[in-house]
């Protein structure tokens, strides 16, 4: 029960992060690249305050492991921000979480993790639910550049999640990853526009300090307990929770399509978590 509740809290943090991104960019006029850079900076500040409060120990694992975690996090952040300059939100979410599924299932297979037929079936059902949720209602042109950037983001987040299986100090590891990630993202400012606002900056700070920084640290605690495949399937709940949050915070419409998608995603996740 504790694992379920912590997983639900983490997925809610990820979904809140999406809502804050939409709020800052769509409602408050923030440039998406600038939003991403501020988000990471706020994550660095919050995480290291928490690490210092616990004694300030740099995590183990060596610099090669730290650079791998930071580089995969930077790839996710950069690809996510730049892809949404050309992609619709729904199509982007489908590409992102589909790519994360493939990356994490491949990583699990290479690591020798046993993938049961029931878990594969649950992943398939949940993915169908995600397609129902985010597939555009009318024909749209999907730019190849946006697809490539979002697939890069999916690969980055999948690898970042897989690396979490070997972390024994999740908070310090997340803080170190954010510290090294920040300078890697600074070149993105060359693509930043002029759009910004104080409410948008505040949304970016909350997204970085709370829903990204603390949420990712909690995620690194959970991944070793969930395993790669269950962690991958569990993340498919994020777009459903985000859609519900968007309806509450941003007054975005939901209807029968959302209900069907939610039932499929939750049912698929439940299938994947069954032992037999």
Protein backbone atom coordinates (compact mmCIF):
# COMPACT_ATOMS: atom_id res chain seq x y z
CA UNK A 1 0.00 0.00 0.00
CA UNK A 2 2.87 2.39 0.83
CA UNK A 3 4.44 1.77 -2.59
CA UNK A 4 1.10 2.46 -4.30
CA UNK A 5 0.54 5.71 -2.39
CA UNK A 6 4.07 6.99 -3.02
CA UNK A 7 3.75 6.09 -6.71
CA UNK A 8 0.42 7.93 -6.91
CA UNK A 9 1.98 10.99 -5.23
CA UNK A 10 4.90 10.96 -7.67
CA UNK A 11 2.65 10.65 -10.72
CA UNK A 12 0.54 13.52 -9.35
CA UNK A 13 3.73 15.61 -9.07
CA UNK A 14 4.65 14.79 -12.68
CA UNK A 15 1.14 15.70 -13.82
CA UNK A 16 1.21 18.94 -11.81
CA UNK A 17 4.49 19.73 -13.53
CA UNK A 18 2.74 19.44 -16.91
CA UNK A 19 -0.12 21.66 -15.75
CA UNK A 20 2.34 24.27 -14.46
CA UNK A 21 4.18 24.19 -17.80
CA UNK A 22 0.94 24.76 -19.69
CA UNK A 23 -0.09 27.45 -17.23
CA UNK A 24 3.21 29.32 -17.51
CA UNK A 25 3.55 29.09 -21.29
CA UNK A 26 -0.07 29.25 -22.50
CA UNK A 27 -1.71 31.43 -19.85
CA UNK A 28 1.17 33.61 -18.62
CA UNK A 29 3.11 34.02 -21.89
CA UNK A 30 6.44 32.48 -20.86
CA UNK A 31 8.83 31.39 -23.58
CA UNK A 32 9.10 27.56 -23.24
CA UNK A 33 12.91 27.54 -23.37
CA UNK A 34 13.20 30.24 -20.70
CA UNK A 35 10.64 28.34 -18.63
CA UNK A 36 12.80 25.19 -18.80
CA UNK A 37 16.00 26.99 -17.74
CA UNK A 38 14.30 28.70 -14.77
CA UNK A 39 12.68 25.39 -13.84
CA UNK A 40 16.05 23.63 -13.60
CA UNK A 41 17.65 26.53 -11.70
CA UNK A 42 14.85 26.41 -9.12
CA UNK A 43 15.30 22.65 -8.84
CA UNK A 44 19.01 23.10 -8.16
CA UNK A 45 18.34 25.62 -5.38
CA UNK A 46 15.63 23.60 -3.64
CA UNK A 47 17.38 20.24 -3.85
CA UNK A 48 20.70 21.50 -2.52
CA UNK A 49 19.00 23.28 0.36
CA UNK A 50 17.51 19.90 1.30
CA UNK A 51 20.85 18.12 0.81
CA UNK A 52 22.66 20.66 2.97
CA UNK A 53 20.01 20.22 5.65
CA UNK A 54 20.90 16.51 5.67
CA UNK A 55 24.66 17.05 5.91
CA UNK A 56 25.58 18.02 2.36
CA UNK A 57 27.10 14.73 1.15
CA UNK A 58 27.81 14.43 -2.59
CA UNK A 59 26.34 11.14 -3.87
CA UNK A 60 28.47 8.15 -4.75
CA UNK A 61 28.65 6.42 -8.10
CA UNK A 62 31.54 8.32 -9.66
CA UNK A 63 31.59 11.17 -12.16
CA UNK A 64 30.77 8.92 -15.11
CA UNK A 65 27.50 7.92 -13.49
CA UNK A 66 26.71 11.53 -12.49
CA UNK A 67 27.38 12.83 -15.99
CA UNK A 68 25.18 10.09 -17.48
CA UNK A 69 22.29 11.08 -15.21
CA UNK A 70 22.72 14.81 -15.85
CA UNK A 71 23.11 14.38 -19.62
CA UNK A 72 19.97 12.24 -19.89
CA UNK A 73 18.05 14.77 -17.76
CA UNK A 74 19.30 17.63 -19.96
CA UNK A 75 18.30 15.71 -23.10
CA UNK A 76 14.79 15.28 -21.72
CA UNK A 77 14.46 18.93 -20.65
CA UNK A 78 15.84 20.32 -23.92
CA UNK A 79 13.95 17.97 -26.22
CA UNK A 80 10.69 18.50 -24.33
CA UNK A 81 10.90 22.30 -24.45
CA UNK A 82 11.99 22.60 -28.09
CA UNK A 83 9.55 19.94 -29.36
CA UNK A 84 6.57 21.86 -28.00
CA UNK A 85 7.51 24.83 -30.17
CA UNK A 86 6.05 22.85 -33.12
CA UNK A 87 3.99 19.96 -31.67
CA UNK A 88 0.44 19.97 -30.34
CA UNK A 89 0.23 18.95 -26.67
CA UNK A 90 -1.69 15.72 -27.32
CA UNK A 91 0.55 14.40 -30.08
CA UNK A 92 3.64 15.37 -28.08
CA UNK A 93 2.42 13.45 -25.03
CA UNK A 94 1.72 10.36 -27.13
CA UNK A 95 5.22 10.42 -28.67
CA UNK A 96 6.86 11.11 -25.30
CA UNK A 97 5.23 8.36 -23.26
CA UNK A 98 5.29 5.86 -26.10
CA UNK A 99 9.03 6.46 -26.46
CA UNK A 100 9.58 6.18 -22.70
CA UNK A 101 7.78 2.81 -22.73
CA UNK A 102 10.01 1.45 -25.49
CA UNK A 103 13.20 2.78 -23.88
CA UNK A 104 12.45 1.38 -20.42
CA UNK A 105 11.20 -1.99 -21.65
CA UNK A 106 14.33 -2.33 -23.80
CA UNK A 107 16.51 -1.41 -20.82
CA UNK A 108 14.72 -3.96 -18.65
CA UNK A 109 15.20 -6.68 -21.25
CA UNK A 110 18.90 -5.90 -21.61
CA UNK A 111 19.29 -5.99 -17.82
CA UNK A 112 17.64 -9.40 -17.64
CA UNK A 113 14.46 -8.27 -15.88
CA UNK A 114 11.64 -10.75 -16.38
CA UNK A 115 8.78 -9.27 -18.43
CA UNK A 116 5.61 -11.32 -18.02
CA UNK A 117 2.92 -11.56 -20.73
CA UNK A 118 0.43 -9.98 -18.31
CA UNK A 119 2.71 -6.99 -17.83
CA UNK A 120 3.08 -6.59 -21.60
CA UNK A 121 -0.69 -6.83 -22.01
CA UNK A 122 -1.24 -4.24 -19.30
CA UNK A 123 1.24 -1.89 -20.98
CA UNK A 124 -0.55 -2.33 -24.31
CA UNK A 125 -3.99 -1.61 -22.80
CA UNK A 126 -2.71 1.48 -20.98
CA UNK A 127 -0.99 2.72 -24.14
CA UNK A 128 -4.24 2.33 -26.08
CA UNK A 129 -5.93 4.44 -23.40
CA UNK A 130 -3.26 7.09 -23.84
CA UNK A 131 -3.87 7.09 -27.60
CA UNK A 132 -7.59 7.58 -26.98
CA UNK A 133 -6.83 10.48 -24.64
CA UNK A 134 -4.37 12.48 -26.72
CA UNK A 135 -5.00 11.56 -30.35
CA UNK A 136 -6.10 14.70 -32.22
CA UNK A 137 -9.76 14.88 -33.18
CA UNK A 138 -8.97 16.22 -36.65
CA UNK A 139 -6.14 15.80 -39.12
CA UNK A 140 -2.97 17.68 -38.24
CA UNK A 141 0.46 17.93 -39.81
CA UNK A 142 3.11 16.56 -37.43
CA UNK A 143 6.51 18.21 -38.12
CA UNK A 144 9.38 15.68 -38.38
CA UNK A 145 11.63 18.01 -36.38
CA UNK A 146 9.15 18.03 -33.50
CA UNK A 147 8.87 14.24 -33.61
CA UNK A 148 12.66 13.84 -33.48
CA UNK A 149 12.99 16.25 -30.55
CA UNK A 150 10.23 14.56 -28.54
CA UNK A 151 11.68 11.11 -29.22
CA UNK A 152 15.02 12.43 -27.95
CA UNK A 153 13.23 13.69 -24.82
CA UNK A 154 11.58 10.27 -24.37
CA UNK A 155 14.93 8.50 -24.67
CA UNK A 156 16.49 10.91 -22.17
CA UNK A 157 13.75 10.43 -19.58
CA UNK A 158 13.74 6.66 -20.08
CA UNK A 159 17.49 6.44 -19.53
CA UNK A 160 17.27 8.82 -16.55
CA UNK A 161 14.64 6.59 -14.95
CA UNK A 162 16.67 3.43 -15.62
CA UNK A 163 19.75 4.97 -13.99
CA UNK A 164 17.67 5.53 -10.85
CA UNK A 165 17.66 1.78 -10.17
CA UNK A 166 21.26 1.95 -8.91
CA UNK A 167 21.00 5.07 -6.74
CA UNK A 168 21.31 4.57 -2.97
CA UNK A 169 20.96 8.30 -2.10
CA UNK A 170 18.03 9.50 -4.25
CA UNK A 171 17.87 13.09 -2.97
CA UNK A 172 21.60 13.78 -3.29
CA UNK A 173 21.72 12.02 -6.67
CA UNK A 174 18.85 14.13 -8.02
CA UNK A 175 20.49 17.31 -6.71
CA UNK A 176 23.80 16.41 -8.35
CA UNK A 177 22.07 15.62 -11.63
CA UNK A 178 20.31 19.00 -11.59
CA UNK A 179 23.56 20.85 -10.79
CA UNK A 180 25.41 19.30 -13.74
CA UNK A 181 22.34 19.56 -15.99
CA UNK A 182 21.93 23.32 -15.54
CA UNK A 183 25.02 24.50 -17.52
CA UNK A 184 24.16 21.96 -20.23
CA UNK A 185 20.83 23.75 -20.76
CA UNK A 186 22.18 27.32 -20.87
CA UNK A 187 22.92 27.18 -24.65
CA UNK A 188 19.15 26.78 -25.16
CA UNK A 189 18.79 30.46 -24.31
CA UNK A 190 19.94 31.23 -27.87
CA UNK A 191 16.54 29.85 -29.00
CA UNK A 192 14.57 31.70 -26.32
CA UNK A 193 12.10 34.38 -27.33
CA UNK A 194 11.19 37.55 -25.52
CA UNK A 195 8.06 36.23 -23.79
CA UNK A 196 8.10 36.29 -20.00
CA UNK A 197 5.99 37.44 -17.06
CA UNK A 198 6.29 37.38 -13.28
CA UNK A 199 3.41 34.87 -12.89
CA UNK A 200 5.15 32.70 -15.52
CA UNK A 201 8.45 32.92 -13.63
CA UNK A 202 6.64 31.91 -10.43
CA UNK A 203 5.06 28.92 -12.19
CA UNK A 204 8.51 27.87 -13.45
CA UNK A 205 10.00 28.17 -9.95
CA UNK A 206 7.24 26.02 -8.42
CA UNK A 207 7.60 23.49 -11.24
CA UNK A 208 11.35 23.29 -10.71
CA UNK A 209 11.52 23.35 -6.92
CA UNK A 210 8.52 21.16 -6.09
CA UNK A 211 7.05 19.09 -8.90
CA UNK A 212 10.33 18.51 -10.76
CA UNK A 213 13.09 18.57 -8.14
CA UNK A 214 11.32 16.94 -5.21
CA UNK A 215 9.16 14.81 -7.52
CA UNK A 216 12.20 13.43 -9.33
CA UNK A 217 13.98 12.70 -6.05
CA UNK A 218 10.95 10.69 -4.91
CA UNK A 219 10.92 8.93 -8.29
CA UNK A 220 14.52 7.81 -7.75
CA UNK A 221 13.41 6.25 -4.45
CA UNK A 222 10.63 4.31 -6.17
CA UNK A 223 12.24 3.03 -9.39
CA UNK A 224 14.38 0.35 -7.64
CA UNK A 225 11.25 -0.95 -5.86
CA UNK A 226 9.01 -0.87 -8.94
CA UNK A 227 11.43 -2.28 -11.48
CA UNK A 228 11.89 -0.87 -14.97
CA UNK A 229 8.77 -2.27 -16.63
CA UNK A 230 6.32 -1.43 -13.84
CA UNK A 231 7.86 2.04 -13.57
CA UNK A 232 7.38 2.50 -17.31
CA UNK A 233 3.72 1.47 -17.25
CA UNK A 234 2.93 3.51 -14.15
CA UNK A 235 4.02 6.70 -15.93
CA UNK A 236 1.24 6.26 -18.48
CA UNK A 237 -1.11 7.58 -15.79
CA UNK A 238 0.52 11.02 -15.96
CA UNK A 239 -1.33 12.37 -19.04
CA UNK A 240 -4.67 11.25 -17.55
CA UNK A 241 -3.95 12.99 -14.23
CA UNK A 242 -2.66 16.04 -16.11
CA UNK A 243 -5.85 16.20 -18.20
CA UNK A 244 -7.92 16.08 -15.01
CA UNK A 245 -5.74 18.78 -13.46
CA UNK A 246 -6.04 20.88 -16.59
CA UNK A 247 -9.81 20.68 -16.36
CA UNK A 248 -9.71 21.98 -12.79
CA UNK A 249 -6.98 24.62 -13.08
CA UNK A 250 -7.22 25.70 -16.73
CA UNK A 251 -10.91 24.89 -17.41
CA UNK A 252 -9.91 22.54 -20.23
CA UNK A 253 -12.86 20.42 -21.44
CA UNK A 254 -13.19 16.71 -20.56
CA UNK A 255 -15.90 14.34 -21.68
CA UNK A 256 -16.70 10.75 -22.52
CA UNK A 257 -13.42 10.35 -24.36
CA UNK A 258 -11.52 11.22 -21.18
CA UNK A 259 -13.59 8.72 -19.16
CA UNK A 260 -12.87 5.90 -21.63
CA UNK A 261 -9.17 6.76 -21.76
CA UNK A 262 -8.89 6.94 -17.97
CA UNK A 263 -10.57 3.54 -17.59
CA UNK A 264 -8.20 1.94 -20.12
CA UNK A 265 -5.06 3.49 -18.63
CA UNK A 266 -5.97 2.64 -15.02
CA UNK A 267 -7.06 -0.85 -16.02
CA UNK A 268 -3.86 -1.45 -17.98
CA UNK A 269 -1.71 -0.27 -15.09
CA UNK A 270 -3.65 -2.54 -12.71
CA UNK A 271 -3.06 -5.51 -15.07
CA UNK A 272 0.67 -4.83 -15.22
CA UNK A 273 0.93 -4.72 -11.41
CA UNK A 274 -0.76 -8.11 -10.92
CA UNK A 275 1.56 -10.97 -10.14
CA UNK A 276 -0.52 -13.39 -12.19
